[in-house]
Amino acid sequence: MECSLVFLGDPPDENSFYEHDHTHIRLDFQEYVPDSTDPDITGEYAINEQRIERVLWFKSSGKLLDIGCGRGYFLKSASEIGFNAYGSEHCGTVPM
C-alpha cells in the first residue's frame, strides 16, 4: 500500500484549534459555485481550486483525506474531478 502526505496550509497551534467555533458548519453544496452571491464562498472556491492544482502535482486520482475539512467544500471540488474524497472535522466526519 502506498501512502503520501501533502499538507497544504499552516497548522494552527493547539490552543487556537480548540478555541475555534465550528458550529457554523453546513453542507449546502448548491451555494458552492464560482459565481455564488456569497463572497465568502467565491473566495473559498478560488482557494480550493488552487489547492486542487497543488494536489494534482502529486496525484491525479485515488483516495483523498482532508483532516480539518470544515464545511467540506474542498472535498466537493476533489470529488468532482475524480478523487474518492473523505474529510474529518473535530465535530464530525464528512464522506463525499
C-alpha atoms as a PDB file:
ATOM      1  CA  MET A   1       0.000   0.000   0.000  1.00  0.00           C
ATOM      2  CA  GLU A   2       1.366   3.379  -0.978  1.00  0.00           C
ATOM      3  CA  CYS A   3       0.523   6.467   1.037  1.00  0.00           C
ATOM      4  CA  SER A   4       1.775  10.019   0.909  1.00  0.00           C
ATOM      5  CA  LEU A   5       1.027  13.142   2.918  1.00  0.00           C
ATOM      6  CA  VAL A   6       0.733  16.618   1.478  1.00  0.00           C
ATOM      7  CA  PHE A   7      -0.007  19.455   3.884  1.00  0.00           C
ATOM      8  CA  LEU A   8      -1.436  22.492   2.066  1.00  0.00           C
ATOM      9  CA  GLY A   9      -1.520  25.052   4.839  1.00  0.00           C
ATOM     10  CA  ASP A  10      -0.035  26.188   8.107  1.00  0.00           C
ATOM     11  CA  PRO A  11      -1.263  24.082  11.003  1.00  0.00           C
ATOM     12  CA  PRO A  12      -2.938  26.041  13.789  1.00  0.00           C
ATOM     13  CA  ASP A  13      -1.452  25.871  17.244  1.00  0.00           C
ATOM     14  CA  GLU A  14      -3.335  23.575  19.591  1.00  0.00           C
ATOM     15  CA  ASN A  15      -4.879  26.369  21.681  1.00  0.00           C
ATOM     16  CA  SER A  16      -6.388  28.243  18.731  1.00  0.00           C
ATOM     17  CA  PHE A  17      -7.675  24.980  17.261  1.00  0.00           C
ATOM     18  CA  TYR A  18      -9.837  24.266  20.271  1.00  0.00           C
ATOM     19  CA  GLU A  19     -10.994  27.890  20.612  1.00  0.00           C
ATOM     20  CA  HIS A  20     -12.388  27.977  17.063  1.00  0.00           C
ATOM     21  CA  ASP A  21     -16.168  27.803  16.829  1.00  0.00           C
ATOM     22  CA  HIS A  22     -17.183  25.038  14.427  1.00  0.00           C
ATOM     23  CA  THR A  23     -20.902  25.410  14.968  1.00  0.00           C
ATOM     24  CA  HIS A  24     -21.190  27.210  11.611  1.00  0.00           C
ATOM     25  CA  ILE A  25     -20.556  24.047   9.614  1.00  0.00           C
ATOM     26  CA  ARG A  26     -23.154  23.477   6.934  1.00  0.00           C
ATOM     27  CA  LEU A  27     -23.197  21.256   3.893  1.00  0.00           C
ATOM     28  CA  ASP A  28     -25.026  23.447   1.397  1.00  0.00           C
ATOM     29  CA  PHE A  29     -23.236  22.467  -1.793  1.00  0.00           C
ATOM     30  CA  GLN A  30     -25.770  24.216  -4.048  1.00  0.00           C
ATOM     31  CA  GLU A  31     -24.198  27.514  -2.970  1.00  0.00           C
ATOM     32  CA  TYR A  32     -20.664  26.247  -3.671  1.00  0.00           C
ATOM     33  CA  VAL A  33     -20.179  27.593  -7.197  1.00  0.00           C
ATOM     34  CA  PRO A  34     -17.580  30.029  -8.574  1.00  0.00           C
ATOM     35  CA  ASP A  35     -20.205  32.718  -9.208  1.00  0.00           C
ATOM     36  CA  SER A  36     -22.015  32.414  -5.858  1.00  0.00           C
ATOM     37  CA  THR A  37     -23.623  35.551  -4.470  1.00  0.00           C
ATOM     38  CA  ASP A  38     -21.832  34.880  -1.170  1.00  0.00           C
ATOM     39  CA  PRO A  39     -18.330  36.448  -1.326  1.00  0.00           C
ATOM     40  CA  ASP A  40     -17.036  34.034   1.324  1.00  0.00           C
ATOM     41  CA  ILE A  41     -17.983  31.084  -0.855  1.00  0.00           C
ATOM     42  CA  THR A  42     -16.494  32.555  -4.048  1.00  0.00           C
ATOM     43  CA  GLY A  43     -13.268  33.204  -2.152  1.00  0.00           C
ATOM     44  CA  GLU A  44     -13.191  29.695  -0.744  1.00  0.00           C
ATOM     45  CA  TYR A  45     -13.952  28.262  -4.179  1.00  0.00           C
ATOM     46  CA  ALA A  46     -10.961  30.111  -5.676  1.00  0.00           C
ATOM     47  CA  ILE A  47      -8.657  28.966  -2.871  1.00  0.00           C
ATOM     48  CA  ASN A  48      -9.816  25.363  -3.241  1.00  0.00           C
ATOM     49  CA  GLU A  49      -9.156  25.466  -6.988  1.00  0.00           C
ATOM     50  CA  GLN A  50      -5.549  26.431  -6.171  1.00  0.00           C
ATOM     51  CA  ARG A  51      -5.350  23.622  -3.626  1.00  0.00           C
ATOM     52  CA  ILE A  52      -6.645  21.112  -6.181  1.00  0.00           C
ATOM     53  CA  GLU A  53      -3.902  22.223  -8.588  1.00  0.00           C
ATOM     54  CA  ARG A  54      -1.288  21.562  -5.892  1.00  0.00           C
ATOM     55  CA  VAL A  55      -2.723  18.112  -5.150  1.00  0.00           C
ATOM     56  CA  LEU A  56      -2.645  17.280  -8.866  1.00  0.00           C
ATOM     57  CA  TRP A  57       1.145  17.792  -8.861  1.00  0.00           C
ATOM     58  CA  PHE A  58       1.350  14.664  -6.686  1.00  0.00           C
ATOM     59  CA  LYS A  59      -1.610  12.535  -7.662  1.00  0.00           C
ATOM     60  CA  SER A  60      -4.344  12.708 -10.298  1.00  0.00           C
ATOM     61  CA  SER A  61      -6.886  10.377  -8.697  1.00  0.00           C
ATOM     62  CA  GLY A  62      -7.434   7.962  -5.835  1.00  0.00           C
ATOM     63  CA  LYS A  63      -8.304   8.426  -2.203  1.00  0.00           C
ATOM     64  CA  LEU A  64      -8.009  11.825  -0.552  1.00  0.00           C
ATOM     65  CA  LEU A  65      -8.384  12.552   3.169  1.00  0.00           C
ATOM     66  CA  ASP A  66      -8.851  16.143   4.333  1.00  0.00           C
ATOM     67  CA  ILE A  67      -8.298  16.468   8.065  1.00  0.00           C
ATOM     68  CA  GLY A  68      -9.985  19.613   9.319  1.00  0.00           C
ATOM     69  CA  CYS A  69     -12.315  19.767   6.326  1.00  0.00           C
ATOM     70  CA  GLY A  70     -14.630  22.459   7.683  1.00  0.00           C
ATOM     71  CA  ARG A  71     -17.768  22.631   5.551  1.00  0.00           C
ATOM     72  CA  GLY A  72     -16.450  20.069   3.059  1.00  0.00           C
ATOM     73  CA  TYR A  73     -16.130  22.396   0.071  1.00  0.00           C
ATOM     74  CA  PHE A  74     -12.597  21.200  -0.763  1.00  0.00           C
ATOM     75  CA  LEU A  75     -13.916  17.631  -0.634  1.00  0.00           C
ATOM     76  CA  LYS A  76     -16.598  18.544  -3.142  1.00  0.00           C
ATOM     77  CA  SER A  77     -14.028  20.056  -5.505  1.00  0.00           C
ATOM     78  CA  ALA A  78     -11.805  16.980  -5.197  1.00  0.00           C
ATOM     79  CA  SER A  79     -14.649  14.530  -5.713  1.00  0.00           C
ATOM     80  CA  GLU A  80     -15.835  16.411  -8.811  1.00  0.00           C
ATOM     81  CA  ILE A  81     -12.517  15.696 -10.544  1.00  0.00           C
ATOM     82  CA  GLY A  82     -12.498  12.027  -9.628  1.00  0.00           C
ATOM     83  CA  PHE A  83     -10.986  11.694  -6.167  1.00  0.00           C
ATOM     84  CA  ASN A  84     -12.599   9.389  -3.639  1.00  0.00           C
ATOM     85  CA  ALA A  85     -12.631  12.168  -1.030  1.00  0.00           C
ATOM     86  CA  TYR A  86     -13.234  11.904   2.711  1.00  0.00           C
ATOM     87  CA  GLY A  87     -12.941  14.511   5.411  1.00  0.00           C
ATOM     88  CA  SER A  88     -12.790  14.707   9.141  1.00  0.00           C
ATOM     89  CA  GLU A  89     -13.702  17.691  11.267  1.00  0.00           C
ATOM     90  CA  HIS A  90     -13.331  17.581  15.033  1.00  0.00           C
ATOM     91  CA  CYS A  91     -17.115  17.879  15.311  1.00  0.00           C
ATOM     92  CA  GLY A  92     -17.888  15.114  12.812  1.00  0.00           C
ATOM     93  CA  THR A  93     -16.956  13.239   9.629  1.00  0.00           C
ATOM     94  CA  VAL A  94     -17.939  14.246   6.104  1.00  0.00           C
ATOM     95  CA  PRO A  95     -17.920  11.453   3.448  1.00  0.00           C
ATOM     96  CA  MET A  96     -18.230  12.534  -0.181  1.00  0.00           C
END
